[in-house]
Amino acid sequence: MDKSELRKIKWIKGGFRALAKGGEGAIRVEAIAREIGVTKGGFYWDFKDLNDFKTAMLDFYQAVGTQSIINNSEKFQNPKDALLFIVGEAIKEPDDELGGTKVELAIREWASRNEEARIRIQFIDNLRIETLKSIFQATGMKQFDAERNAQILYSAYIGFTNLRLVNPSLDGASLREFTLSLLEES
């Protein structure tokens, strides 16, 4: 990765920390520059404006938080292993560089108030659910059951991310066990 990409990622991570701390309104160039220890002017080397920056944040979230996990899950020959890999990635302790446990809820809050974010998060949610459905079907599950189980498992994941905010001792083992129980249905 070249220096300009590393610089962009530093800004984006700062943007997610700001989002997690104070919502969309906290995504401000000057505050993020101060937090990451650079000048405000450096922002414009990498981003046209604040809207361009927010789009880059959503691109990063989709690439790192969804697409790379899906791509890595496709390396597994056994669909059960692929599904457990995805769940394992989902229950990992969130990276503090990206806002920690508060970031998922903050992203959804942002999406509830911002049309671009809403459309992107809706796309990401649908992609994640479709991936889970496809994996469930690859285990031999019927389409209706696979779709239902994908939606239920994803909803459980969203619930887990919210519960972890107030109960950080949750380790996600129950979500993994729940996943296994859904697989036993097929």
Protein backbone atom coordinates (compact mmCIF):
# COMPACT_ATOMS: atom_id res chain seq x y z
CA MET A 1 0.00 0.00 0.00
CA ASP A 2 1.44 3.37 -0.96
CA LYS A 3 1.71 6.43 1.28
CA SER A 4 -1.38 8.15 -0.14
CA GLU A 5 -3.53 5.06 0.59
CA LEU A 6 -2.16 4.85 4.13
CA ARG A 7 -2.88 8.55 4.62
CA LYS A 8 -6.47 8.10 3.38
CA ILE A 9 -7.01 5.14 5.70
CA LYS A 10 -5.69 7.18 8.63
CA TRP A 11 -8.31 9.86 7.87
CA ILE A 12 -11.07 7.26 7.39
CA LYS A 13 -10.28 5.51 10.66
CA GLY A 14 -10.35 8.90 12.35
CA GLY A 15 -13.73 9.49 10.73
CA PHE A 16 -15.11 6.26 12.16
CA ARG A 17 -13.80 7.10 15.63
CA ALA A 18 -15.49 10.50 15.38
CA LEU A 19 -18.72 8.87 14.17
CA ALA A 20 -18.64 6.39 17.06
CA LYS A 21 -18.06 9.16 19.60
CA GLY A 22 -20.47 11.80 18.37
CA GLY A 23 -22.52 10.66 15.40
CA GLU A 24 -22.49 12.05 11.88
CA GLY A 25 -22.19 15.62 13.14
CA ALA A 26 -18.81 14.77 14.66
CA ILE A 27 -17.37 13.96 11.23
CA ARG A 28 -15.63 17.30 10.86
CA VAL A 29 -12.35 17.88 9.06
CA GLU A 30 -10.76 20.10 11.68
CA ALA A 31 -11.64 17.83 14.61
CA ILE A 32 -10.45 14.69 12.83
CA ALA A 33 -7.22 16.41 11.74
CA ARG A 34 -6.53 17.40 15.33
CA GLU A 35 -7.31 13.86 16.57
CA ILE A 36 -5.01 12.16 14.04
CA GLY A 37 -2.27 14.77 14.42
CA VAL A 38 -2.19 16.31 10.94
CA THR A 39 -3.09 19.63 9.39
CA LYS A 40 -6.58 20.35 8.12
CA GLY A 41 -5.15 21.25 4.72
CA GLY A 42 -3.87 17.70 4.22
CA PHE A 43 -7.45 16.50 4.02
CA TYR A 44 -7.87 18.08 0.59
CA TRP A 45 -4.98 16.07 -0.88
CA ASP A 46 -7.14 12.97 -0.58
CA PHE A 47 -10.78 14.14 -0.56
CA LYS A 48 -12.68 16.77 -2.57
CA ASP A 49 -14.91 17.70 0.33
CA LEU A 50 -16.68 16.28 3.35
CA ASN A 51 -19.26 14.43 1.23
CA ASP A 52 -16.47 12.74 -0.74
CA PHE A 53 -14.89 11.75 2.59
CA LYS A 54 -18.14 10.27 3.90
CA THR A 55 -18.50 8.27 0.68
CA ALA A 56 -14.94 7.00 1.18
CA MET A 57 -15.89 5.95 4.72
CA LEU A 58 -18.85 3.97 3.36
CA ASP A 59 -16.63 2.43 0.65
CA PHE A 60 -14.14 1.37 3.32
CA TYR A 61 -16.87 -0.08 5.53
CA GLN A 62 -18.22 -2.10 2.62
CA ALA A 63 -14.80 -3.29 1.48
CA VAL A 64 -13.35 -4.19 4.89
CA GLY A 65 -16.46 -5.00 6.88
CA THR A 66 -18.25 -7.01 4.22
CA GLN A 67 -16.57 -7.76 0.91
CA SER A 68 -13.22 -8.96 2.28
CA ILE A 69 -15.01 -11.27 4.73
CA ILE A 70 -17.20 -12.68 1.96
CA ASN A 71 -14.16 -13.17 -0.27
CA ASN A 72 -12.28 -14.98 2.49
CA SER A 73 -15.29 -17.18 3.25
CA GLU A 74 -15.29 -18.37 -0.36
CA LYS A 75 -11.95 -20.08 0.25
CA PHE A 76 -13.67 -22.74 2.35
CA GLN A 77 -14.79 -25.88 0.54
CA ASN A 78 -17.32 -26.80 3.23
CA PRO A 79 -20.24 -24.31 3.49
CA LYS A 80 -20.51 -24.96 7.23
CA ASP A 81 -16.90 -23.85 7.66
CA ALA A 82 -17.57 -20.76 5.52
CA LEU A 83 -20.58 -19.83 7.65
CA LEU A 84 -18.70 -20.33 10.91
CA PHE A 85 -15.85 -18.22 9.54
CA ILE A 86 -18.26 -15.37 8.81
CA VAL A 87 -19.82 -15.62 12.26
CA GLY A 88 -16.34 -15.73 13.81
CA GLU A 89 -15.41 -12.52 12.00
CA ALA A 90 -18.70 -10.90 13.03
CA ILE A 91 -18.22 -11.61 16.74
CA LYS A 92 -14.63 -10.43 16.93
CA GLU A 93 -14.02 -7.54 19.26
CA PRO A 94 -14.31 -4.40 17.13
CA ASP A 95 -11.10 -2.52 16.38
CA ASP A 96 -10.69 0.59 18.55
CA GLU A 97 -8.99 2.30 15.57
CA LEU A 98 -12.38 2.11 13.85
CA GLY A 99 -14.49 3.26 16.78
CA GLY A 100 -14.75 0.05 18.80
CA THR A 101 -18.06 -1.44 19.88
CA LYS A 102 -19.98 1.80 19.24
CA VAL A 103 -19.21 2.01 15.53
CA GLU A 104 -21.85 -0.44 14.24
CA LEU A 105 -24.66 1.33 16.05
CA ALA A 106 -23.27 4.72 15.00
CA ILE A 107 -23.22 3.62 11.35
CA ARG A 108 -26.86 2.54 11.57
CA GLU A 109 -27.80 5.80 13.29
CA TRP A 110 -26.04 7.69 10.50
CA ALA A 111 -27.96 5.63 7.94
CA SER A 112 -31.24 6.51 9.64
CA ARG A 113 -30.58 10.23 9.06
CA ASN A 114 -28.58 10.34 5.82
CA GLU A 115 -29.93 9.10 2.48
CA GLU A 116 -26.55 8.13 0.97
CA ALA A 117 -25.60 6.19 4.10
CA ARG A 118 -29.05 4.56 4.25
CA ILE A 119 -28.84 3.34 0.67
CA ARG A 120 -25.32 1.99 1.19
CA ILE A 121 -26.08 0.26 4.49
CA GLN A 122 -29.23 -1.24 2.99
CA PHE A 123 -27.09 -2.57 0.11
CA ILE A 124 -24.54 -4.00 2.56
CA ASP A 125 -27.25 -5.60 4.71
CA ASN A 126 -28.81 -7.19 1.63
CA LEU A 127 -25.41 -8.42 0.43
CA ARG A 128 -24.68 -9.97 3.82
CA ILE A 129 -28.10 -11.64 4.01
CA GLU A 130 -27.82 -12.95 0.43
CA THR A 131 -24.39 -14.37 1.22
CA LEU A 132 -25.72 -16.14 4.31
CA LYS A 133 -28.69 -17.44 2.31
CA SER A 134 -26.39 -18.77 -0.39
CA ILE A 135 -24.25 -20.56 2.17
CA PHE A 136 -27.28 -22.07 3.89
CA GLN A 137 -28.50 -23.29 0.49
CA ALA A 138 -25.08 -24.79 -0.21
CA THR A 139 -25.57 -26.97 2.89
CA GLY A 140 -28.66 -28.44 1.23
CA MET A 141 -31.21 -26.22 2.91
CA LYS A 142 -34.34 -25.36 0.91
CA GLN A 143 -34.55 -21.80 -0.42
CA PHE A 144 -37.36 -20.71 1.92
CA ASP A 145 -35.56 -22.05 5.00
CA ALA A 146 -32.23 -20.64 3.84
CA GLU A 147 -33.73 -17.18 3.36
CA ARG A 148 -35.51 -17.27 6.71
CA ASN A 149 -32.41 -18.51 8.56
CA ALA A 150 -30.19 -15.92 6.88
CA GLN A 151 -32.51 -13.13 8.03
CA ILE A 152 -32.79 -14.56 11.54
CA LEU A 153 -29.02 -15.04 11.89
CA TYR A 154 -28.30 -11.53 10.59
CA SER A 155 -30.89 -10.07 12.95
CA ALA A 156 -29.25 -11.96 15.82
CA TYR A 157 -25.89 -10.47 14.78
CA ILE A 158 -27.35 -6.93 14.79
CA GLY A 159 -28.81 -7.63 18.24
CA PHE A 160 -25.45 -8.95 19.43
CA THR A 161 -23.65 -5.78 18.32
CA ASN A 162 -26.17 -3.69 20.25
CA LEU A 163 -26.05 -5.88 23.37
CA ARG A 164 -22.26 -5.73 23.40
CA LEU A 165 -22.49 -1.96 23.87
CA VAL A 166 -23.86 -2.32 27.38
CA ASN A 167 -22.53 -5.79 28.15
CA PRO A 168 -18.96 -6.00 26.85
CA SER A 169 -18.48 -9.38 28.52
CA LEU A 170 -20.56 -11.03 25.77
CA ASP A 171 -18.16 -13.10 23.71
CA GLY A 172 -20.39 -14.23 20.87
CA ALA A 173 -20.24 -17.92 21.71
CA SER A 174 -24.04 -18.06 21.84
CA LEU A 175 -24.26 -16.61 18.30
CA ARG A 176 -21.91 -19.34 17.09
CA GLU A 177 -24.01 -22.01 18.86
CA PHE A 178 -27.17 -20.50 17.39
CA THR A 179 -25.62 -20.72 13.92
CA LEU A 180 -24.89 -24.41 14.47
CA SER A 181 -28.49 -24.98 15.57
CA LEU A 182 -29.75 -23.38 12.34
CA LEU A 183 -27.52 -25.73 10.35
CA GLU A 184 -28.97 -28.74 12.16
CA GLU A 185 -32.38 -27.87 10.71
CA SER A 186 -31.33 -28.83 7.18
